[in-house]
């Protein structure tokens, strides 16, 4: 929706990152979420998923907390 073509999605949950990078069909309890994310791959020229460590999420958590005060998304 924002026009990005090359993205890297980072997360601190290794299990989810591995499932998103795996080409096989997922049968876990989060299979529907993984499938939905994978269905959106075609929107991007390049998409990758990487594991980050919890300490790297500090800035993201602060932005999310700050953004909760708005009724609609801002960028």
PDB file of N, CA and C in Angstrom:
ATOM      1  N   UNK A   1       0.821  -1.202   0.000  1.00  0.00           N
ATOM      2  CA  UNK A   1       0.000   0.000   0.000  1.00  0.00           C
ATOM      3  C   UNK A   1       0.860   1.258   0.000  1.00  0.00           C
ATOM      4  N   UNK A   2       2.059   1.170   0.547  1.00  0.00           N
ATOM      5  CA  UNK A   2       2.955   2.325   0.589  1.00  0.00           C
ATOM      6  C   UNK A   2       3.919   2.354  -0.588  1.00  0.00           C
ATOM      7  N   UNK A   3       3.885   1.327  -1.417  1.00  0.00           N
ATOM      8  CA  UNK A   3       4.719   1.294  -2.607  1.00  0.00           C
ATOM      9  C   UNK A   3       6.099   0.685  -2.422  1.00  0.00           C
ATOM     10  N   UNK A   4       6.381   0.122  -1.269  1.00  0.00           N
ATOM     11  CA  UNK A   4       7.677  -0.519  -1.063  1.00  0.00           C
ATOM     12  C   UNK A   4       7.781  -1.777  -1.919  1.00  0.00           C
ATOM     13  N   UNK A   5       8.925  -2.006  -2.528  1.00  0.00           N
ATOM     14  CA  UNK A   5       9.137  -3.186  -3.355  1.00  0.00           C
ATOM     15  C   UNK A   5      10.135  -4.172  -2.756  1.00  0.00           C
ATOM     16  N   UNK A   6      11.069  -3.676  -1.979  1.00  0.00           N
ATOM     17  CA  UNK A   6      12.100  -4.504  -1.353  1.00  0.00           C
ATOM     18  C   UNK A   6      12.012  -4.304   0.154  1.00  0.00           C
ATOM     19  N   UNK A   7      11.640  -5.367   0.883  1.00  0.00           N
ATOM     20  CA  UNK A   7      11.493  -5.214   2.333  1.00  0.00           C
ATOM     21  C   UNK A   7      12.159  -6.367   3.073  1.00  0.00           C
ATOM     22  N   UNK A   8      12.541  -6.073   4.293  1.00  0.00           N
ATOM     23  CA  UNK A   8      13.045  -7.074   5.218  1.00  0.00           C
ATOM     24  C   UNK A   8      12.210  -6.944   6.486  1.00  0.00           C
ATOM     25  N   UNK A   9      11.584  -8.037   6.865  1.00  0.00           N
ATOM     26  CA  UNK A   9      10.759  -8.054   8.068  1.00  0.00           C
ATOM     27  C   UNK A   9      11.577  -8.729   9.159  1.00  0.00           C
ATOM     28  N   UNK A  10      11.708  -8.060  10.296  1.00  0.00           N
ATOM     29  CA  UNK A  10      12.469  -8.602  11.402  1.00  0.00           C
ATOM     30  C   UNK A  10      11.542  -8.958  12.551  1.00  0.00           C
ATOM     31  N   UNK A  11      11.844 -10.054  13.217  1.00  0.00           N
ATOM     32  CA  UNK A  11      11.052 -10.476  14.355  1.00  0.00           C
ATOM     33  C   UNK A  11      11.921 -11.169  15.380  1.00  0.00           C
ATOM     34  N   UNK A  12      11.464 -11.213  16.613  1.00  0.00           N
ATOM     35  CA  UNK A  12      12.265 -11.838  17.659  1.00  0.00           C
ATOM     36  C   UNK A  12      11.800 -13.248  17.987  1.00  0.00           C
ATOM     37  N   UNK A  13      10.883 -13.802  17.203  1.00  0.00           N
ATOM     38  CA  UNK A  13      10.400 -15.159  17.418  1.00  0.00           C
ATOM     39  C   UNK A  13      10.962 -16.058  16.328  1.00  0.00           C
ATOM     40  N   UNK A  14      11.987 -16.811  16.664  1.00  0.00           N
ATOM     41  CA  UNK A  14      12.681 -17.655  15.690  1.00  0.00           C
ATOM     42  C   UNK A  14      11.729 -18.645  15.024  1.00  0.00           C
ATOM     43  N   UNK A  15      10.806 -19.194  15.786  1.00  0.00           N
ATOM     44  CA  UNK A  15       9.855 -20.171  15.251  1.00  0.00           C
ATOM     45  C   UNK A  15       9.067 -19.576  14.080  1.00  0.00           C
ATOM     46  N   UNK A  16       8.594 -18.362  14.226  1.00  0.00           N
ATOM     47  CA  UNK A  16       7.809 -17.705  13.176  1.00  0.00           C
ATOM     48  C   UNK A  16       8.696 -17.377  11.979  1.00  0.00           C
ATOM     49  N   UNK A  17       9.879 -16.854  12.229  1.00  0.00           N
ATOM     50  CA  UNK A  17      10.802 -16.511  11.141  1.00  0.00           C
ATOM     51  C   UNK A  17      11.135 -17.757  10.321  1.00  0.00           C
ATOM     52  N   UNK A  18      11.386 -18.883  10.985  1.00  0.00           N
ATOM     53  CA  UNK A  18      11.683 -20.127  10.270  1.00  0.00           C
ATOM     54  C   UNK A  18      10.496 -20.574   9.418  1.00  0.00           C
ATOM     55  N   UNK A  19       9.295 -20.472   9.948  1.00  0.00           N
ATOM     56  CA  UNK A  19       8.104 -20.873   9.191  1.00  0.00           C
ATOM     57  C   UNK A  19       7.897 -19.982   7.964  1.00  0.00           C
ATOM     58  N   UNK A  20       8.172 -18.700   8.094  1.00  0.00           N
ATOM     59  CA  UNK A  20       8.017 -17.786   6.966  1.00  0.00           C
ATOM     60  C   UNK A  20       9.068 -18.033   5.889  1.00  0.00           C
ATOM     61  N   UNK A  21      10.241 -18.487   6.277  1.00  0.00           N
ATOM     62  CA  UNK A  21      11.303 -18.775   5.319  1.00  0.00           C
ATOM     63  C   UNK A  21      11.199 -20.175   4.718  1.00  0.00           C
ATOM     64  N   UNK A  22      10.386 -21.038   5.314  1.00  0.00           N
ATOM     65  CA  UNK A  22      10.232 -22.415   4.847  1.00  0.00           C
ATOM     66  C   UNK A  22       9.263 -22.468   3.664  1.00  0.00           C
ATOM     67  N   UNK A  23       9.609 -23.273   2.664  1.00  0.00           N
ATOM     68  CA  UNK A  23       8.759 -23.389   1.476  1.00  0.00           C
ATOM     69  C   UNK A  23       7.650 -24.422   1.643  1.00  0.00           C
ATOM     70  N   UNK A  24       7.721 -25.244   2.667  1.00  0.00           N
ATOM     71  CA  UNK A  24       6.712 -26.283   2.882  1.00  0.00           C
ATOM     72  C   UNK A  24       5.461 -25.705   3.543  1.00  0.00           C
ATOM     73  N   UNK A  25       4.352 -26.411   3.375  1.00  0.00           N
ATOM     74  CA  UNK A  25       3.112 -25.994   4.023  1.00  0.00           C
ATOM     75  C   UNK A  25       3.227 -26.196   5.529  1.00  0.00           C
ATOM     76  N   UNK A  26       2.794 -25.209   6.251  1.00  0.00           N
ATOM     77  CA  UNK A  26       2.853 -25.247   7.709  1.00  0.00           C
ATOM     78  C   UNK A  26       1.588 -25.899   8.244  1.00  0.00           C
ATOM     79  N   UNK A  27       1.726 -26.730   9.269  1.00  0.00           N
ATOM     80  CA  UNK A  27       0.571 -27.387   9.891  1.00  0.00           C
ATOM     81  C   UNK A  27       0.450 -27.045  11.375  1.00  0.00           C
ATOM     82  N   UNK A  28       1.124 -26.014  11.786  1.00  0.00           N
ATOM     83  CA  UNK A  28       1.124 -25.656  13.207  1.00  0.00           C
ATOM     84  C   UNK A  28      -0.139 -24.883  13.577  1.00  0.00           C
ATOM     85  N   UNK A  29      -0.190 -24.486  14.834  1.00  0.00           N
ATOM     86  CA  UNK A  29      -1.339 -23.725  15.337  1.00  0.00           C
ATOM     87  C   UNK A  29      -1.415 -22.325  14.731  1.00  0.00           C
ATOM     88  N   UNK A  30      -0.342 -21.850  14.133  1.00  0.00           N
ATOM     89  CA  UNK A  30      -0.351 -20.527  13.501  1.00  0.00           C
ATOM     90  C   UNK A  30      -0.323 -20.622  11.974  1.00  0.00           C
ATOM     91  N   UNK A  31      -0.688 -21.788  11.442  1.00  0.00           N
ATOM     92  CA  UNK A  31      -0.630 -22.037   9.991  1.00  0.00           C
ATOM     93  C   UNK A  31      -1.434 -21.011   9.194  1.00  0.00           C
ATOM     94  N   UNK A  32      -2.599 -20.626   9.667  1.00  0.00           N
ATOM     95  CA  UNK A  32      -3.429 -19.661   8.930  1.00  0.00           C
ATOM     96  C   UNK A  32      -2.754 -18.301   8.821  1.00  0.00           C
ATOM     97  N   UNK A  33      -2.083 -17.887   9.860  1.00  0.00           N
ATOM     98  CA  UNK A  33      -1.377 -16.597   9.847  1.00  0.00           C
ATOM     99  C   UNK A  33      -0.186 -16.672   8.902  1.00  0.00           C
ATOM    100  N   UNK A  34       0.571 -17.764   8.973  1.00  0.00           N
ATOM    101  CA  UNK A  34       1.721 -17.946   8.087  1.00  0.00           C
ATOM    102  C   UNK A  34       1.264 -17.956   6.630  1.00  0.00           C
ATOM    103  N   UNK A  35       0.183 -18.650   6.349  1.00  0.00           N
ATOM    104  CA  UNK A  35      -0.346 -18.723   4.981  1.00  0.00           C
ATOM    105  C   UNK A  35      -0.780 -17.340   4.481  1.00  0.00           C
ATOM    106  N   UNK A  36      -1.438 -16.579   5.333  1.00  0.00           N
ATOM    107  CA  UNK A  36      -1.879 -15.228   4.961  1.00  0.00           C
ATOM    108  C   UNK A  36      -0.686 -14.341   4.624  1.00  0.00           C
ATOM    109  N   UNK A  37       0.353 -14.410   5.424  1.00  0.00           N
ATOM    110  CA  UNK A  37       1.549 -13.616   5.162  1.00  0.00           C
ATOM    111  C   UNK A  37       2.186 -14.046   3.846  1.00  0.00           C
ATOM    112  N   UNK A  38       2.317 -15.354   3.635  1.00  0.00           N
ATOM    113  CA  UNK A  38       2.922 -15.858   2.404  1.00  0.00           C
ATOM    114  C   UNK A  38       2.105 -15.489   1.166  1.00  0.00           C
ATOM    115  N   UNK A  39       0.805 -15.393   1.307  1.00  0.00           N
ATOM    116  CA  UNK A  39      -0.048 -14.992   0.176  1.00  0.00           C
ATOM    117  C   UNK A  39       0.232 -13.554  -0.261  1.00  0.00           C
ATOM    118  N   UNK A  40       0.826 -12.778   0.592  1.00  0.00           N
ATOM    119  CA  UNK A  40       1.134 -11.379   0.271  1.00  0.00           C
ATOM    120  C   UNK A  40       2.534 -11.194  -0.327  1.00  0.00           C
ATOM    121  N   UNK A  41       3.309 -12.265  -0.433  1.00  0.00           N
ATOM    122  CA  UNK A  41       4.660 -12.185  -1.002  1.00  0.00           C
ATOM    123  C   UNK A  41       4.663 -11.544  -2.379  1.00  0.00           C
ATOM    124  N   UNK A  42       3.667 -11.858  -3.191  1.00  0.00           N
ATOM    125  CA  UNK A  42       3.666 -11.405  -4.589  1.00  0.00           C
ATOM    126  C   UNK A  42       3.584  -9.884  -4.724  1.00  0.00           C
ATOM    127  N   UNK A  43       3.247  -9.203  -3.675  1.00  0.00           N
ATOM    128  CA  UNK A  43       3.171  -7.735  -3.718  1.00  0.00           C
ATOM    129  C   UNK A  43       4.552  -7.081  -3.756  1.00  0.00           C
ATOM    130  N   UNK A  44       5.582  -7.857  -3.455  1.00  0.00           N
ATOM    131  CA  UNK A  44       6.921  -7.303  -3.320  1.00  0.00           C
ATOM    132  C   UNK A  44       7.891  -7.931  -4.314  1.00  0.00           C
ATOM    133  N   UNK A  45       8.856  -7.142  -4.742  1.00  0.00           N
ATOM    134  CA  UNK A  45       9.908  -7.650  -5.621  1.00  0.00           C
ATOM    135  C   UNK A  45      10.836  -8.558  -4.810  1.00  0.00           C
ATOM    136  N   UNK A  46      11.233  -8.117  -3.639  1.00  0.00           N
ATOM    137  CA  UNK A  46      12.087  -8.892  -2.735  1.00  0.00           C
ATOM    138  C   UNK A  46      11.545  -8.770  -1.320  1.00  0.00           C
ATOM    139  N   UNK A  47      11.412  -9.898  -0.648  1.00  0.00           N
ATOM    140  CA  UNK A  47      10.972  -9.907   0.743  1.00  0.00           C
ATOM    141  C   UNK A  47      11.798 -10.933   1.498  1.00  0.00           C
ATOM    142  N   UNK A  48      12.267 -10.557   2.671  1.00  0.00           N
ATOM    143  CA  UNK A  48      13.033 -11.485   3.491  1.00  0.00           C
ATOM    144  C   UNK A  48      12.610 -11.337   4.948  1.00  0.00           C
ATOM    145  N   UNK A  49      12.874 -12.385   5.709  1.00  0.00           N
ATOM    146  CA  UNK A  49      12.532 -12.417   7.123  1.00  0.00           C
ATOM    147  C   UNK A  49      13.783 -12.761   7.911  1.00  0.00           C
ATOM    148  N   UNK A  50      14.047 -11.993   8.967  1.00  0.00           N
ATOM    149  CA  UNK A  50      15.236 -12.195   9.790  1.00  0.00           C
ATOM    150  C   UNK A  50      14.880 -12.213  11.260  1.00  0.00           C
ATOM    151  N   UNK A  51      15.662 -12.963  12.005  1.00  0.00           N
ATOM    152  CA  UNK A  51      15.525 -13.021  13.462  1.00  0.00           C
ATOM    153  C   UNK A  51      16.321 -11.882  14.074  1.00  0.00           C
ATOM    154  N   UNK A  52      15.715 -11.163  14.991  1.00  0.00           N
ATOM    155  CA  UNK A  52      16.416 -10.157  15.772  1.00  0.00           C
ATOM    156  C   UNK A  52      16.365 -10.584  17.228  1.00  0.00           C
ATOM    157  N   UNK A  53      17.154  -9.951  18.024  1.00  0.00           N
ATOM    158  CA  UNK A  53      17.128 -10.239  19.445  1.00  0.00           C
ATOM    159  C   UNK A  53      16.200  -9.258  20.136  1.00  0.00           C
ATOM    160  N   UNK A  54      15.638  -9.664  21.256  1.00  0.00           N
ATOM    161  CA  UNK A  54      14.663  -8.850  21.971  1.00  0.00           C
ATOM    162  C   UNK A  54      15.103  -7.424  22.214  1.00  0.00           C
ATOM    163  N   UNK A  55      16.373  -7.223  22.479  1.00  0.00           N
ATOM    164  CA  UNK A  55      16.861  -5.876  22.773  1.00  0.00           C
ATOM    165  C   UNK A  55      16.748  -4.953  21.557  1.00  0.00           C
ATOM    166  N   UNK A  56      16.717  -5.528  20.365  1.00  0.00           N
ATOM    167  CA  UNK A  56      16.603  -4.722  19.147  1.00  0.00           C
ATOM    168  C   UNK A  56      15.184  -4.188  18.952  1.00  0.00           C
ATOM    169  N   UNK A  57      14.233  -4.698  19.707  1.00  0.00           N
ATOM    170  CA  UNK A  57      12.840  -4.292  19.550  1.00  0.00           C
ATOM    171  C   UNK A  57      12.479  -3.036  20.335  1.00  0.00           C
ATOM    172  N   UNK A  58      13.382  -2.506  21.128  1.00  0.00           N
ATOM    173  CA  UNK A  58      13.093  -1.326  21.942  1.00  0.00           C
ATOM    174  C   UNK A  58      12.516  -0.175  21.155  1.00  0.00           C
ATOM    175  N   UNK A  59      13.171   0.269  20.074  1.00  0.00           N
ATOM    176  CA  UNK A  59      12.612   1.379  19.287  1.00  0.00           C
ATOM    177  C   UNK A  59      11.243   1.064  18.699  1.00  0.00           C
ATOM    178  N   UNK A  60      11.045  -0.165  18.237  1.00  0.00           N
ATOM    179  CA  UNK A  60       9.744  -0.534  17.670  1.00  0.00           C
ATOM    180  C   UNK A  60       8.649  -0.508  18.731  1.00  0.00           C
ATOM    181  N   UNK A  61       8.957  -1.000  19.910  1.00  0.00           N
ATOM    182  CA  UNK A  61       7.968  -0.986  20.989  1.00  0.00           C
ATOM    183  C   UNK A  61       7.613   0.447  21.396  1.00  0.00           C
ATOM    184  N   UNK A  62       8.608   1.321  21.428  1.00  0.00           N
ATOM    185  CA  UNK A  62       8.328   2.718  21.771  1.00  0.00           C
ATOM    186  C   UNK A  62       7.456   3.380  20.715  1.00  0.00           C
ATOM    187  N   UNK A  63       7.730   3.108  19.438  1.00  0.00           N
ATOM    188  CA  UNK A  63       6.891   3.688  18.371  1.00  0.00           C
ATOM    189  C   UNK A  63       5.469   3.161  18.440  1.00  0.00           C
ATOM    190  N   UNK A  64       5.325   1.867  18.697  1.00  0.00           N
ATOM    191  CA  UNK A  64       3.986   1.279  18.796  1.00  0.00           C
ATOM    192  C   UNK A  64       3.223   1.891  19.971  1.00  0.00           C
ATOM    193  N   UNK A  65       3.896   2.053  21.100  1.00  0.00           N
ATOM    194  CA  UNK A  65       3.256   2.651  22.264  1.00  0.00           C
ATOM    195  C   UNK A  65       2.822   4.083  21.951  1.00  0.00           C
ATOM    196  N   UNK A  66       3.701   4.842  21.309  1.00  0.00           N
ATOM    197  CA  UNK A  66       3.401   6.222  20.937  1.00  0.00           C
ATOM    198  C   UNK A  66       2.235   6.268  19.946  1.00  0.00           C
ATOM    199  N   UNK A  67       2.203   5.338  19.010  1.00  0.00           N
ATOM    200  CA  UNK A  67       1.164   5.329  17.974  1.00  0.00           C
ATOM    201  C   UNK A  67      -0.211   4.962  18.480  1.00  0.00           C
ATOM    202  N   UNK A  68      -0.326   4.367  19.651  1.00  0.00           N
ATOM    203  CA  UNK A  68      -1.624   3.969  20.190  1.00  0.00           C
ATOM    204  C   UNK A  68      -2.518   5.164  20.489  1.00  0.00           C
ATOM    205  N   UNK A  69      -1.963   6.352  20.573  1.00  0.00           N
ATOM    206  CA  UNK A  69      -2.779   7.510  20.912  1.00  0.00           C
ATOM    207  C   UNK A  69      -3.554   8.047  19.715  1.00  0.00           C
ATOM    208  N   UNK A  70      -3.273   7.519  18.511  1.00  0.00           N
ATOM    209  CA  UNK A  70      -3.947   7.996  17.294  1.00  0.00           C
ATOM    210  C   UNK A  70      -5.025   7.015  16.853  1.00  0.00           C
ATOM    211  N   UNK A  71      -6.100   7.562  16.292  1.00  0.00           N
ATOM    212  CA  UNK A  71      -7.202   6.715  15.827  1.00  0.00           C
ATOM    213  C   UNK A  71      -6.892   6.050  14.493  1.00  0.00           C
ATOM    214  N   UNK A  72      -6.035   6.649  13.689  1.00  0.00           N
ATOM    215  CA  UNK A  72      -5.679   6.061  12.396  1.00  0.00           C
ATOM    216  C   UNK A  72      -4.164   6.018  12.273  1.00  0.00           C
ATOM    217  N   UNK A  73      -3.653   5.145  11.415  1.00  0.00           N
ATOM    218  CA  UNK A  73      -2.209   5.000  11.286  1.00  0.00           C
ATOM    219  C   UNK A  73      -1.537   6.271  10.751  1.00  0.00           C
ATOM    220  N   UNK A  74      -0.346   6.550  11.248  1.00  0.00           N
ATOM    221  CA  UNK A  74       0.461   7.635  10.704  1.00  0.00           C
ATOM    222  C   UNK A  74       1.843   7.078  10.400  1.00  0.00           C
ATOM    223  N   UNK A  75       2.508   7.653   9.410  1.00  0.00           N
ATOM    224  CA  UNK A  75       3.823   7.153   8.981  1.00  0.00           C
ATOM    225  C   UNK A  75       4.819   8.266   8.983  1.00  0.00           C
TER     226      UNK A  75
END
